[in-house]
Each structure stands twice: as structure tokens, then as C-alpha cells.
PDB file of N, CA and C in Angstrom:
ATOM      1  N   MET A   1     -28.013   3.906 -26.699  1.00  0.00           N
ATOM      2  CA  MET A   1     -27.064   4.982 -26.943  1.00  0.00           C
ATOM      3  C   MET A   1     -27.505   6.240 -26.199  1.00  0.00           C
ATOM      4  N   ASP A   2     -26.606   6.830 -25.472  1.00  0.00           N
ATOM      5  CA  ASP A   2     -26.911   8.013 -24.681  1.00  0.00           C
ATOM      6  C   ASP A   2     -26.821   9.249 -25.579  1.00  0.00           C
ATOM      7  N   SER A   3     -27.889  10.049 -25.606  1.00  0.00           N
ATOM      8  CA  SER A   3     -27.888  11.246 -26.456  1.00  0.00           C
ATOM      9  C   SER A   3     -27.055  12.368 -25.838  1.00  0.00           C
ATOM     10  N   GLN A   4     -26.757  12.272 -24.556  1.00  0.00           N
ATOM     11  CA  GLN A   4     -25.979  13.290 -23.850  1.00  0.00           C
ATOM     12  C   GLN A   4     -24.561  12.771 -23.609  1.00  0.00           C
ATOM     13  N   GLN A   5     -23.821  12.513 -24.669  1.00  0.00           N
ATOM     14  CA  GLN A   5     -22.457  11.997 -24.518  1.00  0.00           C
ATOM     15  C   GLN A   5     -21.572  13.041 -23.853  1.00  0.00           C
ATOM     16  N   VAL A   6     -20.783  12.597 -22.908  1.00  0.00           N
ATOM     17  CA  VAL A   6     -19.865  13.478 -22.202  1.00  0.00           C
ATOM     18  C   VAL A   6     -18.510  13.403 -22.890  1.00  0.00           C
ATOM     19  N   ASN A   7     -17.941  14.563 -23.187  1.00  0.00           N
ATOM     20  CA  ASN A   7     -16.592  14.592 -23.732  1.00  0.00           C
ATOM     21  C   ASN A   7     -15.630  14.546 -22.543  1.00  0.00           C
ATOM     22  N   TRP A   8     -15.274  13.329 -22.131  1.00  0.00           N
ATOM     23  CA  TRP A   8     -14.484  13.135 -20.915  1.00  0.00           C
ATOM     24  C   TRP A   8     -13.124  13.809 -21.007  1.00  0.00           C
ATOM     25  N   ALA A   9     -12.515  13.765 -22.168  1.00  0.00           N
ATOM     26  CA  ALA A   9     -11.187  14.375 -22.317  1.00  0.00           C
ATOM     27  C   ALA A   9     -11.276  15.876 -22.048  1.00  0.00           C
ATOM     28  N   ASN A  10     -12.291  16.520 -22.614  1.00  0.00           N
ATOM     29  CA  ASN A  10     -12.478  17.954 -22.420  1.00  0.00           C
ATOM     30  C   ASN A  10     -12.792  18.285 -20.968  1.00  0.00           C
ATOM     31  N   VAL A  11     -13.677  17.523 -20.352  1.00  0.00           N
ATOM     32  CA  VAL A  11     -14.032  17.739 -18.952  1.00  0.00           C
ATOM     33  C   VAL A  11     -12.802  17.548 -18.078  1.00  0.00           C
ATOM     34  N   GLY A  12     -12.053  16.487 -18.342  1.00  0.00           N
ATOM     35  CA  GLY A  12     -10.848  16.208 -17.556  1.00  0.00           C
ATOM     36  C   GLY A  12      -9.831  17.325 -17.652  1.00  0.00           C
ATOM     37  N   VAL A  13      -9.595  17.827 -18.858  1.00  0.00           N
ATOM     38  CA  VAL A  13      -8.634  18.914 -19.056  1.00  0.00           C
ATOM     39  C   VAL A  13      -9.085  20.153 -18.294  1.00  0.00           C
ATOM     40  N   ARG A  14     -10.364  20.483 -18.386  1.00  0.00           N
ATOM     41  CA  ARG A  14     -10.874  21.673 -17.692  1.00  0.00           C
ATOM     42  C   ARG A  14     -10.775  21.536 -16.178  1.00  0.00           C
ATOM     43  N   MET A  15     -11.098  20.349 -15.663  1.00  0.00           N
ATOM     44  CA  MET A  15     -11.029  20.144 -14.217  1.00  0.00           C
ATOM     45  C   MET A  15      -9.584  20.178 -13.731  1.00  0.00           C
ATOM     46  N   VAL A  16      -8.680  19.554 -14.480  1.00  0.00           N
ATOM     47  CA  VAL A  16      -7.268  19.541 -14.085  1.00  0.00           C
ATOM     48  C   VAL A  16      -6.702  20.962 -14.125  1.00  0.00           C
ATOM     49  N   ARG A  17      -7.045  21.718 -15.162  1.00  0.00           N
ATOM     50  CA  ARG A  17      -6.592  23.121 -15.228  1.00  0.00           C
ATOM     51  C   ARG A  17      -7.126  23.917 -14.045  1.00  0.00           C
ATOM     52  N   GLY A  18      -8.392  23.704 -13.725  1.00  0.00           N
ATOM     53  CA  GLY A  18      -8.989  24.399 -12.591  1.00  0.00           C
ATOM     54  C   GLY A  18      -8.304  24.031 -11.285  1.00  0.00           C
ATOM     55  N   LEU A  19      -7.998  22.738 -11.118  1.00  0.00           N
ATOM     56  CA  LEU A  19      -7.326  22.282  -9.906  1.00  0.00           C
ATOM     57  C   LEU A  19      -5.915  22.862  -9.826  1.00  0.00           C
ATOM     58  N   THR A  20      -5.215  22.873 -10.944  1.00  0.00           N
ATOM     59  CA  THR A  20      -3.860  23.437 -10.993  1.00  0.00           C
ATOM     60  C   THR A  20      -3.889  24.922 -10.647  1.00  0.00           C
ATOM     61  N   THR A  21      -4.840  25.641 -11.215  1.00  0.00           N
ATOM     62  CA  THR A  21      -4.990  27.070 -10.912  1.00  0.00           C
ATOM     63  C   THR A  21      -5.296  27.269  -9.438  1.00  0.00           C
ATOM     64  N   THR A  22      -6.152  26.414  -8.890  1.00  0.00           N
ATOM     65  CA  THR A  22      -6.512  26.510  -7.474  1.00  0.00           C
ATOM     66  C   THR A  22      -5.283  26.322  -6.591  1.00  0.00           C
ATOM     67  N   ILE A  23      -4.487  25.298  -6.878  1.00  0.00           N
ATOM     68  CA  ILE A  23      -3.298  25.036  -6.063  1.00  0.00           C
ATOM     69  C   ILE A  23      -2.310  26.195  -6.185  1.00  0.00           C
ATOM     70  N   ASP A  24      -2.127  26.702  -7.404  1.00  0.00           N
ATOM     71  CA  ASP A  24      -1.250  27.869  -7.597  1.00  0.00           C
ATOM     72  C   ASP A  24      -1.750  29.055  -6.785  1.00  0.00           C
ATOM     73  N   ALA A  25      -3.064  29.259  -6.802  1.00  0.00           N
ATOM     74  CA  ALA A  25      -3.655  30.389  -6.072  1.00  0.00           C
ATOM     75  C   ALA A  25      -3.457  30.225  -4.568  1.00  0.00           C
ATOM     76  N   ILE A  26      -3.613  29.005  -4.094  1.00  0.00           N
ATOM     77  CA  ILE A  26      -3.459  28.748  -2.663  1.00  0.00           C
ATOM     78  C   ILE A  26      -2.049  29.110  -2.203  1.00  0.00           C
ATOM     79  N   ARG A  27      -1.078  28.893  -3.070  1.00  0.00           N
ATOM     80  CA  ARG A  27       0.308  29.235  -2.725  1.00  0.00           C
ATOM     81  C   ARG A  27       0.488  30.734  -2.511  1.00  0.00           C
ATOM     82  N   GLN A  28      -0.335  31.548  -3.173  1.00  0.00           N
ATOM     83  CA  GLN A  28      -0.097  32.984  -3.206  1.00  0.00           C
ATOM     84  C   GLN A  28      -1.116  33.815  -2.431  1.00  0.00           C
ATOM     85  N   LEU A  29      -2.215  33.224  -2.015  1.00  0.00           N
ATOM     86  CA  LEU A  29      -3.312  34.000  -1.428  1.00  0.00           C
ATOM     87  C   LEU A  29      -3.446  33.751   0.058  1.00  0.00           C
ATOM     88  N   ASP A  30      -4.198  34.625   0.709  1.00  0.00           N
ATOM     89  CA  ASP A  30      -4.496  34.368   2.113  1.00  0.00           C
ATOM     90  C   ASP A  30      -5.629  33.338   2.204  1.00  0.00           C
ATOM     91  N   VAL A  31      -5.942  32.948   3.404  1.00  0.00           N
ATOM     92  CA  VAL A  31      -6.908  31.863   3.625  1.00  0.00           C
ATOM     93  C   VAL A  31      -8.264  32.159   3.002  1.00  0.00           C
ATOM     94  N   GLN A  32      -8.783  33.364   3.208  1.00  0.00           N
ATOM     95  CA  GLN A  32     -10.116  33.704   2.691  1.00  0.00           C
ATOM     96  C   GLN A  32     -10.149  33.666   1.166  1.00  0.00           C
ATOM     97  N   GLU A  33      -9.119  34.213   0.536  1.00  0.00           N
ATOM     98  CA  GLU A  33      -9.065  34.231  -0.935  1.00  0.00           C
ATOM     99  C   GLU A  33      -8.925  32.819  -1.490  1.00  0.00           C
ATOM    100  N   ALA A  34      -8.059  32.030  -0.881  1.00  0.00           N
ATOM    101  CA  ALA A  34      -7.851  30.653  -1.348  1.00  0.00           C
ATOM    102  C   ALA A  34      -9.131  29.838  -1.201  1.00  0.00           C
ATOM    103  N   SER A  35      -9.845  30.051  -0.106  1.00  0.00           N
ATOM    104  CA  SER A  35     -11.110  29.355   0.115  1.00  0.00           C
ATOM    105  C   SER A  35     -12.112  29.708  -0.986  1.00  0.00           C
ATOM    106  N   LEU A  36     -12.142  30.971  -1.360  1.00  0.00           N
ATOM    107  CA  LEU A  36     -13.044  31.422  -2.415  1.00  0.00           C
ATOM    108  C   LEU A  36     -12.699  30.779  -3.761  1.00  0.00           C
ATOM    109  N   VAL A  37     -11.420  30.707  -4.085  1.00  0.00           N
ATOM    110  CA  VAL A  37     -10.987  30.083  -5.346  1.00  0.00           C
ATOM    111  C   VAL A  37     -11.390  28.611  -5.361  1.00  0.00           C
ATOM    112  N   MET A  38     -11.195  27.909  -4.243  1.00  0.00           N
ATOM    113  CA  MET A  38     -11.560  26.494  -4.166  1.00  0.00           C
ATOM    114  C   MET A  38     -13.071  26.328  -4.311  1.00  0.00           C
ATOM    115  N   ARG A  39     -13.824  27.208  -3.684  1.00  0.00           N
ATOM    116  CA  ARG A  39     -15.290  27.159  -3.777  1.00  0.00           C
ATOM    117  C   ARG A  39     -15.755  27.376  -5.222  1.00  0.00           C
ATOM    118  N   LEU A  40     -15.130  28.327  -5.916  1.00  0.00           N
ATOM    119  CA  LEU A  40     -15.496  28.595  -7.310  1.00  0.00           C
ATOM    120  C   LEU A  40     -15.209  27.393  -8.203  1.00  0.00           C
ATOM    121  N   LEU A  41     -14.061  26.726  -7.985  1.00  0.00           N
ATOM    122  CA  LEU A  41     -13.774  25.515  -8.762  1.00  0.00           C
ATOM    123  C   LEU A  41     -14.829  24.451  -8.466  1.00  0.00           C
ATOM    124  N   GLY A  42     -15.194  24.309  -7.216  1.00  0.00           N
ATOM    125  CA  GLY A  42     -16.217  23.328  -6.848  1.00  0.00           C
ATOM    126  C   GLY A  42     -17.542  23.601  -7.541  1.00  0.00           C
ATOM    127  N   LYS A  43     -17.949  24.866  -7.546  1.00  0.00           N
ATOM    128  CA  LYS A  43     -19.216  25.232  -8.209  1.00  0.00           C
ATOM    129  C   LYS A  43     -19.134  24.970  -9.715  1.00  0.00           C
ATOM    130  N   THR A  44     -17.978  25.270 -10.310  1.00  0.00           N
ATOM    131  CA  THR A  44     -17.794  25.014 -11.740  1.00  0.00           C
ATOM    132  C   THR A  44     -17.926  23.525 -12.040  1.00  0.00           C
ATOM    133  N   CYS A  45     -17.314  22.682 -11.204  1.00  0.00           N
ATOM    134  CA  CYS A  45     -17.388  21.228 -11.408  1.00  0.00           C
ATOM    135  C   CYS A  45     -18.824  20.731 -11.310  1.00  0.00           C
ATOM    136  N   THR A  46     -19.575  21.227 -10.329  1.00  0.00           N
ATOM    137  CA  THR A  46     -20.949  20.747 -10.176  1.00  0.00           C
ATOM    138  C   THR A  46     -21.835  21.208 -11.324  1.00  0.00           C
ATOM    139  N   LYS A  47     -21.517  22.353 -11.903  1.00  0.00           N
ATOM    140  CA  LYS A  47     -22.301  22.821 -13.054  1.00  0.00           C
ATOM    141  C   LYS A  47     -21.920  22.075 -14.327  1.00  0.00           C
ATOM    142  N   MET A  48     -20.620  21.776 -14.480  1.00  0.00           N
ATOM    143  CA  MET A  48     -20.152  21.071 -15.674  1.00  0.00           C
ATOM    144  C   MET A  48     -20.712  19.658 -15.739  1.00  0.00           C
ATOM    145  N   MET A  49     -20.800  19.015 -14.583  1.00  0.00           N
ATOM    146  CA  MET A  49     -21.236  17.622 -14.531  1.00  0.00           C
ATOM    147  C   MET A  49     -22.367  17.510 -13.524  1.00  0.00           C
ATOM    148  N   GLN A  50     -23.489  17.013 -13.984  1.00  0.00           N
ATOM    149  CA  GLN A  50     -24.669  16.931 -13.123  1.00  0.00           C
ATOM    150  C   GLN A  50     -24.625  15.740 -12.180  1.00  0.00           C
ATOM    151  N   ASP A  51     -23.774  14.771 -12.451  1.00  0.00           N
ATOM    152  CA  ASP A  51     -23.632  13.618 -11.549  1.00  0.00           C
ATOM    153  C   ASP A  51     -22.248  13.007 -11.743  1.00  0.00           C
ATOM    154  N   GLY A  52     -22.014  11.899 -11.092  1.00  0.00           N
ATOM    155  CA  GLY A  52     -20.739  11.207 -11.236  1.00  0.00           C
ATOM    156  C   GLY A  52     -19.627  11.836 -10.406  1.00  0.00           C
ATOM    157  N   VAL A  53     -18.397  11.380 -10.657  1.00  0.00           N
ATOM    158  CA  VAL A  53     -17.272  11.798  -9.824  1.00  0.00           C
ATOM    159  C   VAL A  53     -16.956  13.284  -9.958  1.00  0.00           C
ATOM    160  N   GLY A  54     -17.174  13.865 -11.130  1.00  0.00           N
ATOM    161  CA  GLY A  54     -16.917  15.294 -11.296  1.00  0.00           C
ATOM    162  C   GLY A  54     -17.819  16.123 -10.404  1.00  0.00           C
ATOM    163  N   HIS A  55     -19.072  15.736 -10.338  1.00  0.00           N
ATOM    164  CA  HIS A  55     -20.044  16.428  -9.483  1.00  0.00           C
ATOM    165  C   HIS A  55     -19.670  16.253  -8.008  1.00  0.00           C
ATOM    166  N   GLN A  56     -19.316  15.022  -7.632  1.00  0.00           N
ATOM    167  CA  GLN A  56     -18.931  14.742  -6.247  1.00  0.00           C
ATOM    168  C   GLN A  56     -17.661  15.492  -5.855  1.00  0.00           C
ATOM    169  N   PHE A  57     -16.732  15.603  -6.805  1.00  0.00           N
ATOM    170  CA  PHE A  57     -15.500  16.342  -6.557  1.00  0.00           C
ATOM    171  C   PHE A  57     -15.834  17.811  -6.273  1.00  0.00           C
ATOM    172  N   GLY A  58     -16.737  18.368  -7.063  1.00  0.00           N
ATOM    173  CA  GLY A  58     -17.155  19.754  -6.866  1.00  0.00           C
ATOM    174  C   GLY A  58     -17.787  19.979  -5.503  1.00  0.00           C
ATOM    175  N   ILE A  59     -18.676  19.073  -5.114  1.00  0.00           N
ATOM    176  CA  ILE A  59     -19.325  19.196  -3.798  1.00  0.00           C
ATOM    177  C   ILE A  59     -18.286  19.113  -2.685  1.00  0.00           C
ATOM    178  N   ALA A  60     -17.347  18.174  -2.805  1.00  0.00           N
ATOM    179  CA  ALA A  60     -16.311  18.030  -1.776  1.00  0.00           C
ATOM    180  C   ALA A  60     -15.445  19.287  -1.697  1.00  0.00           C
ATOM    181  N   LEU A  61     -15.140  19.896  -2.839  1.00  0.00           N
ATOM    182  CA  LEU A  61     -14.345  21.129  -2.820  1.00  0.00           C
ATOM    183  C   LEU A  61     -15.111  22.266  -2.144  1.00  0.00           C
ATOM    184  N   ILE A  62     -16.401  22.364  -2.419  1.00  0.00           N
ATOM    185  CA  ILE A  62     -17.218  23.411  -1.795  1.00  0.00           C
ATOM    186  C   ILE A  62     -17.235  23.214  -0.277  1.00  0.00           C
ATOM    187  N   GLU A  63     -17.463  21.971   0.167  1.00  0.00           N
ATOM    188  CA  GLU A  63     -17.492  21.687   1.602  1.00  0.00           C
ATOM    189  C   GLU A  63     -16.134  21.973   2.238  1.00  0.00           C
ATOM    190  N   THR A  64     -15.066  21.565   1.570  1.00  0.00           N
ATOM    191  CA  THR A  64     -13.715  21.769   2.092  1.00  0.00           C
ATOM    192  C   THR A  64     -13.363  23.250   2.138  1.00  0.00           C
ATOM    193  N   SER A  65     -13.836  24.008   1.157  1.00  0.00           N
ATOM    194  CA  SER A  65     -13.504  25.434   1.115  1.00  0.00           C
ATOM    195  C   SER A  65     -14.046  26.155   2.346  1.00  0.00           C
ATOM    196  N   SER A  66     -15.211  25.727   2.825  1.00  0.00           N
ATOM    197  CA  SER A  66     -15.757  26.381   4.011  1.00  0.00           C
ATOM    198  C   SER A  66     -14.955  26.002   5.256  1.00  0.00           C
ATOM    199  N   GLN A  67     -14.445  24.771   5.311  1.00  0.00           N
ATOM    200  CA  GLN A  67     -13.575  24.369   6.419  1.00  0.00           C
ATOM    201  C   GLN A  67     -12.271  25.152   6.361  1.00  0.00           C
ATOM    202  N   LEU A  68     -11.776  25.345   5.154  1.00  0.00           N
ATOM    203  CA  LEU A  68     -10.527  26.075   4.938  1.00  0.00           C
ATOM    204  C   LEU A  68     -10.660  27.523   5.396  1.00  0.00           C
ATOM    205  N   ALA A  69     -11.805  28.118   5.148  1.00  0.00           N
ATOM    206  CA  ALA A  69     -12.027  29.526   5.479  1.00  0.00           C
ATOM    207  C   ALA A  69     -11.926  29.784   6.978  1.00  0.00           C
ATOM    208  N   MET A  70     -12.130  28.741   7.781  1.00  0.00           N
ATOM    209  CA  MET A  70     -12.084  28.908   9.230  1.00  0.00           C
ATOM    210  C   MET A  70     -10.666  28.835   9.787  1.00  0.00           C
ATOM    211  N   LYS A  71      -9.723  28.407   8.965  1.00  0.00           N
ATOM    212  CA  LYS A  71      -8.340  28.290   9.443  1.00  0.00           C
ATOM    213  C   LYS A  71      -7.702  29.668   9.575  1.00  0.00           C
ATOM    214  N   GLU A  72      -6.777  29.746  10.517  1.00  0.00           N
ATOM    215  CA  GLU A  72      -6.043  30.999  10.708  1.00  0.00           C
ATOM    216  C   GLU A  72      -4.930  31.137   9.681  1.00  0.00           C
ATOM    217  N   LYS A  73      -4.273  30.012   9.422  1.00  0.00           N
ATOM    218  CA  LYS A  73      -3.118  30.029   8.525  1.00  0.00           C
ATOM    219  C   LYS A  73      -3.284  28.903   7.514  1.00  0.00           C
ATOM    220  N   LEU A  74      -2.887  29.170   6.310  1.00  0.00           N
ATOM    221  CA  LEU A  74      -3.019  28.191   5.235  1.00  0.00           C
ATOM    222  C   LEU A  74      -1.669  27.544   4.972  1.00  0.00           C
ATOM    223  N   VAL A  75      -1.628  26.229   5.015  1.00  0.00           N
ATOM    224  CA  VAL A  75      -0.402  25.492   4.709  1.00  0.00           C
ATOM    225  C   VAL A  75      -0.681  24.658   3.473  1.00  0.00           C
ATOM    226  N   LEU A  76       0.098  24.886   2.414  1.00  0.00           N
ATOM    227  CA  LEU A  76      -0.139  24.213   1.141  1.00  0.00           C
ATOM    228  C   LEU A  76      -0.153  22.693   1.293  1.00  0.00           C
ATOM    229  N   GLU A  77       0.750  22.168   2.095  1.00  0.00           N
ATOM    230  CA  GLU A  77       0.814  20.712   2.281  1.00  0.00           C
ATOM    231  C   GLU A  77      -0.509  20.166   2.823  1.00  0.00           C
ATOM    232  N   ASP A  78      -1.130  20.925   3.755  1.00  0.00           N
ATOM    233  CA  ASP A  78      -2.409  20.492   4.312  1.00  0.00           C
ATOM    234  C   ASP A  78      -3.497  20.478   3.248  1.00  0.00           C
ATOM    235  N   VAL A  79      -3.506  21.504   2.415  1.00  0.00           N
ATOM    236  CA  VAL A  79      -4.510  21.583   1.352  1.00  0.00           C
ATOM    237  C   VAL A  79      -4.316  20.442   0.355  1.00  0.00           C
ATOM    238  N   LEU A  80      -3.074  20.155  -0.010  1.00  0.00           N
ATOM    239  CA  LEU A  80      -2.804  19.043  -0.932  1.00  0.00           C
ATOM    240  C   LEU A  80      -3.257  17.721  -0.318  1.00  0.00           C
ATOM    241  N   ARG A  81      -3.040  17.560   0.981  1.00  0.00           N
ATOM    242  CA  ARG A  81      -3.481  16.342   1.669  1.00  0.00           C
ATOM    243  C   ARG A  81      -5.007  16.214   1.614  1.00  0.00           C
ATOM    244  N   ILE A  82      -5.700  17.315   1.837  1.00  0.00           N
ATOM    245  CA  ILE A  82      -7.173  17.321   1.796  1.00  0.00           C
ATOM    246  C   ILE A  82      -7.658  16.933   0.396  1.00  0.00           C
ATOM    247  N   ILE A  83      -7.074  17.556  -0.625  1.00  0.00           N
ATOM    248  CA  ILE A  83      -7.485  17.276  -2.005  1.00  0.00           C
ATOM    249  C   ILE A  83      -7.169  15.821  -2.369  1.00  0.00           C
ATOM    250  N   THR A  84      -6.008  15.323  -1.939  1.00  0.00           N
ATOM    251  CA  THR A  84      -5.636  13.929  -2.200  1.00  0.00           C
ATOM    252  C   THR A  84      -6.642  12.986  -1.559  1.00  0.00           C
ATOM    253  N   SER A  85      -7.093  13.318  -0.366  1.00  0.00           N
ATOM    254  CA  SER A  85      -8.087  12.499   0.325  1.00  0.00           C
ATOM    255  C   SER A  85      -9.408  12.474  -0.458  1.00  0.00           C
ATOM    256  N   ILE A  86      -9.813  13.632  -0.958  1.00  0.00           N
ATOM    257  CA  ILE A  86     -11.042  13.710  -1.763  1.00  0.00           C
ATOM    258  C   ILE A  86     -10.906  12.824  -2.999  1.00  0.00           C
ATOM    259  N   ILE A  87      -9.775  12.932  -3.677  1.00  0.00           N
ATOM    260  CA  ILE A  87      -9.552  12.161  -4.900  1.00  0.00           C
ATOM    261  C   ILE A  87      -9.540  10.665  -4.598  1.00  0.00           C
ATOM    262  N   GLY A  88      -8.938  10.279  -3.464  1.00  0.00           N
ATOM    263  CA  GLY A  88      -8.929   8.869  -3.069  1.00  0.00           C
ATOM    264  C   GLY A  88     -10.335   8.316  -2.917  1.00  0.00           C
ATOM    265  N   ARG A  89     -11.223   9.116  -2.326  1.00  0.00           N
ATOM    266  CA  ARG A  89     -12.619   8.670  -2.170  1.00  0.00           C
ATOM    267  C   ARG A  89     -13.333   8.561  -3.521  1.00  0.00           C
ATOM    268  N   LEU A  90     -12.932   9.401  -4.465  1.00  0.00           N
ATOM    269  CA  LEU A  90     -13.584   9.371  -5.783  1.00  0.00           C
ATOM    270  C   LEU A  90     -13.321   8.054  -6.517  1.00  0.00           C
ATOM    271  N   TYR A  91     -12.147   7.449  -6.294  1.00  0.00           N
ATOM    272  CA  TYR A  91     -11.865   6.157  -6.928  1.00  0.00           C
ATOM    273  C   TYR A  91     -12.914   5.120  -6.542  1.00  0.00           C
ATOM    274  N   LEU A  92     -13.405   5.201  -5.316  1.00  0.00           N
ATOM    275  CA  LEU A  92     -14.390   4.227  -4.834  1.00  0.00           C
ATOM    276  C   LEU A  92     -15.755   4.430  -5.476  1.00  0.00           C
ATOM    277  N   THR A  93     -16.038   5.648  -5.935  1.00  0.00           N
ATOM    278  CA  THR A  93     -17.369   5.932  -6.487  1.00  0.00           C
ATOM    279  C   THR A  93     -17.392   5.981  -8.012  1.00  0.00           C
ATOM    280  N   ALA A  94     -16.221   5.922  -8.644  1.00  0.00           N
ATOM    281  CA  ALA A  94     -16.180   5.949 -10.113  1.00  0.00           C
ATOM    282  C   ALA A  94     -16.889   4.710 -10.661  1.00  0.00           C
ATOM    283  N   SER A  95     -17.813   4.931 -11.588  1.00  0.00           N
ATOM    284  CA  SER A  95     -18.625   3.809 -12.075  1.00  0.00           C
ATOM    285  C   SER A  95     -18.299   3.405 -13.511  1.00  0.00           C
ATOM    286  N   SER A  96     -17.346   4.079 -14.126  1.00  0.00           N
ATOM    287  CA  SER A  96     -16.974   3.708 -15.496  1.00  0.00           C
ATOM    288  C   SER A  96     -15.481   3.937 -15.687  1.00  0.00           C
ATOM    289  N   GLU A  97     -14.967   3.394 -16.755  1.00  0.00           N
ATOM    290  CA  GLU A  97     -13.539   3.571 -17.062  1.00  0.00           C
ATOM    291  C   GLU A  97     -13.216   5.044 -17.298  1.00  0.00           C
ATOM    292  N   GLU A  98     -14.136   5.782 -17.951  1.00  0.00           N
ATOM    293  CA  GLU A  98     -13.920   7.211 -18.197  1.00  0.00           C
ATOM    294  C   GLU A  98     -13.816   7.984 -16.886  1.00  0.00           C
ATOM    295  N   GLU A  99     -14.691   7.642 -15.934  1.00  0.00           N
ATOM    296  CA  GLU A  99     -14.642   8.323 -14.638  1.00  0.00           C
ATOM    297  C   GLU A  99     -13.342   8.003 -13.910  1.00  0.00           C
ATOM    298  N   ARG A 100     -12.887   6.755 -13.987  1.00  0.00           N
ATOM    299  CA  ARG A 100     -11.614   6.393 -13.344  1.00  0.00           C
ATOM    300  C   ARG A 100     -10.455   7.146 -13.978  1.00  0.00           C
ATOM    301  N   ARG A 101     -10.507   7.332 -15.291  1.00  0.00           N
ATOM    302  CA  ARG A 101      -9.449   8.114 -15.969  1.00  0.00           C
ATOM    303  C   ARG A 101      -9.482   9.566 -15.518  1.00  0.00           C
ATOM    304  N   LEU A 102     -10.673  10.115 -15.348  1.00  0.00           N
ATOM    305  CA  LEU A 102     -10.816  11.489 -14.876  1.00  0.00           C
ATOM    306  C   LEU A 102     -10.203  11.638 -13.478  1.00  0.00           C
ATOM    307  N   VAL A 103     -10.495  10.697 -12.600  1.00  0.00           N
ATOM    308  CA  VAL A 103      -9.938  10.737 -11.242  1.00  0.00           C
ATOM    309  C   VAL A 103      -8.420  10.616 -11.301  1.00  0.00           C
ATOM    310  N   ALA A 104      -7.916   9.737 -12.173  1.00  0.00           N
ATOM    311  CA  ALA A 104      -6.467   9.580 -12.322  1.00  0.00           C
ATOM    312  C   ALA A 104      -5.815  10.881 -12.803  1.00  0.00           C
ATOM    313  N   GLN A 105      -6.488  11.605 -13.708  1.00  0.00           N
ATOM    314  CA  GLN A 105      -5.967  12.892 -14.179  1.00  0.00           C
ATOM    315  C   GLN A 105      -5.877  13.889 -13.031  1.00  0.00           C
ATOM    316  N   LEU A 106      -6.902  13.923 -12.198  1.00  0.00           N
ATOM    317  CA  LEU A 106      -6.898  14.834 -11.053  1.00  0.00           C
ATOM    318  C   LEU A 106      -5.783  14.459 -10.077  1.00  0.00           C
ATOM    319  N   GLU A 107      -5.634  13.156  -9.855  1.00  0.00           N
ATOM    320  CA  GLU A 107      -4.581  12.688  -8.939  1.00  0.00           C
ATOM    321  C   GLU A 107      -3.197  13.066  -9.467  1.00  0.00           C
ATOM    322  N   GLU A 108      -3.002  12.912 -10.754  1.00  0.00           N
ATOM    323  CA  GLU A 108      -1.716  13.266 -11.364  1.00  0.00           C
ATOM    324  C   GLU A 108      -1.428  14.769 -11.204  1.00  0.00           C
ATOM    325  N   ALA A 109      -2.468  15.578 -11.376  1.00  0.00           N
ATOM    326  CA  ALA A 109      -2.287  17.030 -11.227  1.00  0.00           C
ATOM    327  C   ALA A 109      -1.826  17.380  -9.819  1.00  0.00           C
ATOM    328  N   VAL A 110      -2.389  16.714  -8.812  1.00  0.00           N
ATOM    329  CA  VAL A 110      -1.989  16.963  -7.428  1.00  0.00           C
ATOM    330  C   VAL A 110      -0.568  16.438  -7.183  1.00  0.00           C
ATOM    331  N   ASN A 111      -0.287  15.253  -7.709  1.00  0.00           N
ATOM    332  CA  ASN A 111       1.043  14.664  -7.507  1.00  0.00           C
ATOM    333  C   ASN A 111       2.153  15.516  -8.133  1.00  0.00           C
ATOM    334  N   ASN A 112       1.806  16.286  -9.152  1.00  0.00           N
ATOM    335  CA  ASN A 112       2.801  17.169  -9.785  1.00  0.00           C
ATOM    336  C   ASN A 112       3.194  18.335  -8.894  1.00  0.00           C
ATOM    337  N   TYR A 113       2.513  18.478  -7.770  1.00  0.00           N
ATOM    338  CA  TYR A 113       2.791  19.587  -6.861  1.00  0.00           C
ATOM    339  C   TYR A 113       3.586  19.169  -5.644  1.00  0.00           C
ATOM    340  N   HIS A 114       4.345  18.088  -5.760  1.00  0.00           N
ATOM    341  CA  HIS A 114       5.234  17.739  -4.631  1.00  0.00           C
ATOM    342  C   HIS A 114       6.159  18.905  -4.394  1.00  0.00           C
ATOM    343  N   LEU A 115       6.258  19.296  -3.177  1.00  0.00           N
ATOM    344  CA  LEU A 115       7.046  20.480  -2.842  1.00  0.00           C
ATOM    345  C   LEU A 115       8.524  20.168  -2.901  1.00  0.00           C
ATOM    346  N   THR A 116       9.273  21.147  -3.367  1.00  0.00           N
ATOM    347  CA  THR A 116      10.719  20.937  -3.482  1.00  0.00           C
ATOM    348  C   THR A 116      11.437  21.440  -2.257  1.00  0.00           C
TER     349      THR A 116
END
């Protein structure tokens, strides 16, 4: 029995809220500001989870945020594509059913942002 049980539902809700806030922010901010918001979400994820897909998601967001900061213009569709790609890779590294559910929650949050 693991003494450090992870409350996956709580972690998932917090990560999905953070991702939703990030996408909303990207719609309204310039490139530098949006990059900063994405970096902050990444740092939060890595602190919340010391390993597993949540940690990897955070690292990928931090790395992506620095690539984003170099762009001249921010296109929401491009950012959604980048995040979708990150989430796709997370499915391959998920090692438990809880982690797969967490990745599915993140994917659903991104899919809810199909542009009208």
C-alpha cells in the first residue's frame, strides 16, 4: 500500500482548469504574456506531481512556452495543435488507469476549444 496516495480526481480537475485558463489567456494575450502563462501552468504541474504524466505534461509545457515566446504572432490553432501533440505523447507514457484518465481529461479540455 502506497502511503502517498494521489487524489487523481483533484489533480485532474486542477490541471484541466489550469489548461482551460491557459487557452483562454492565449486567446487574449500577446505572445510573451501567453508564453508566461503556459510556463506557469507547466511549473505548477511539475510541482503538483513529482513524476508520471502530470510531471511530463508540465515539462513539455515549459519547453513549449519557450518556443512560443520566440514567435512573432500567436495563432490559437497552432497552440492547440502543440498541446494536442503533447497530450498524444502522454498516452504512450501513462502507466496506470488513473494516469490514462488524467490524460483523457486533458484531451477533453482541449477538444472543447474547437473554434467556431
